[in-house]
Protein backbone atom coordinates (compact mmCIF):
# COMPACT_ATOMS: atom_id res chain seq x y z
CA MET A 1 60.68 80.37 30.71
CA THR A 2 61.33 77.35 33.28
CA GLY A 3 58.46 78.06 35.38
CA ARG A 4 60.28 79.00 38.73
CA SER A 5 58.85 82.23 40.38
CA SER A 6 61.12 84.78 41.51
CA THR A 7 61.20 84.70 45.29
CA ARG A 8 63.17 88.19 45.68
CA ARG A 9 61.45 90.18 48.75
CA ALA A 10 61.82 93.64 49.53
CA GLY A 11 63.71 95.14 52.96
CA PHE A 12 66.21 93.51 54.72
CA THR A 13 66.55 91.04 57.79
CA VAL A 14 67.18 92.12 61.36
CA ASN A 15 70.74 90.66 61.14
CA GLU A 16 71.28 92.94 58.09
CA ALA A 17 70.19 95.79 59.68
CA VAL A 18 72.23 95.45 62.72
CA ASP A 19 75.21 94.62 60.71
CA SER A 20 74.93 97.99 58.34
CA GLY A 21 74.49 100.04 61.92
CA GLY A 22 77.78 98.50 63.10
CA PHE A 23 79.08 98.79 67.49
CA GLY A 24 80.28 102.29 67.75
CA ARG A 25 80.30 105.13 70.83
CA PHE A 26 76.66 104.82 71.27
CA GLN A 27 76.51 101.05 71.52
CA TRP A 28 79.54 101.34 73.97
CA LEU A 29 78.00 103.73 76.36
CA LEU A 30 74.62 102.25 76.43
CA LEU A 31 76.35 98.66 77.23
CA GLY A 32 78.05 100.61 79.93
CA TYR A 33 74.84 102.48 81.41
CA VAL A 34 72.44 99.14 81.58
CA GLY A 35 75.52 96.98 82.99
CA MET A 36 75.74 99.57 85.52
CA ALA A 37 72.04 99.70 86.15
CA TRP A 38 72.12 95.75 86.47
CA MET A 39 75.16 95.64 88.61
CA SER A 40 73.13 98.11 91.19
CA ASP A 41 69.88 96.23 91.19
CA ALA A 42 72.29 92.97 91.97
CA LEU A 43 73.80 95.15 94.84
CA GLU A 44 70.78 96.27 95.94
CA MET A 45 69.56 92.20 96.41
CA MET A 46 72.89 91.17 97.76
CA LEU A 47 72.42 94.04 100.30
CA LEU A 48 68.69 92.97 101.14
CA SER A 49 69.82 89.42 101.73
CA TYR A 50 72.10 90.48 104.70
CA LEU A 51 69.77 93.29 105.99
CA GLY A 52 67.11 91.21 106.73
CA PRO A 53 68.45 88.78 108.86
CA ALA A 54 70.10 91.63 110.81
CA LEU A 55 66.87 93.82 111.25
CA ARG A 56 65.40 90.31 112.35
CA CYS A 57 68.02 90.25 115.03
CA GLU A 58 68.10 93.88 115.70
CA TRP A 59 64.26 94.95 115.63
CA GLY A 60 62.93 91.88 116.73
CA LEU A 61 61.06 90.51 113.46
CA THR A 62 59.60 87.47 112.86
CA PRO A 63 59.75 86.24 109.28
CA VAL A 64 56.70 87.55 107.76
CA ASP A 65 57.82 90.90 109.04
CA GLU A 66 61.48 90.50 107.31
CA ALA A 67 59.66 89.22 104.12
CA ALA A 68 57.68 92.80 103.95
CA VAL A 69 60.85 94.86 104.52
CA THR A 70 62.13 93.26 101.16
CA THR A 71 58.54 93.48 99.64
CA VAL A 72 58.49 97.08 100.49
CA VAL A 73 61.77 97.93 99.18
CA ARG A 74 61.26 96.31 96.16
CA ALA A 75 57.99 96.82 95.30
CA PRO A 76 58.23 100.28 93.69
CA THR A 77 60.00 98.46 90.79
CA LEU A 78 56.25 97.10 89.81
CA SER A 79 55.40 100.73 89.27
CA PRO A 80 55.47 101.91 85.73
CA CYS A 81 56.33 105.12 86.59
CA SER A 82 60.09 103.96 87.80
């Protein structure tokens, strides 16, 4: 006996688990749906950036009121139910 202890471990690493699972149809669908959700969120923010100044001119809003409109639109994303 050489005095070395065995460092063999049970189980596998996260990388080994991901590699064994592969990347199939489900992962492509999930990637597509998450990408569309991310894109729609970015589109909403872009729309708000154009809508805010237009509402300020049209409705005579102050900058604080304009910020309140944006906050009211984005506030439901903070809800745990959304």
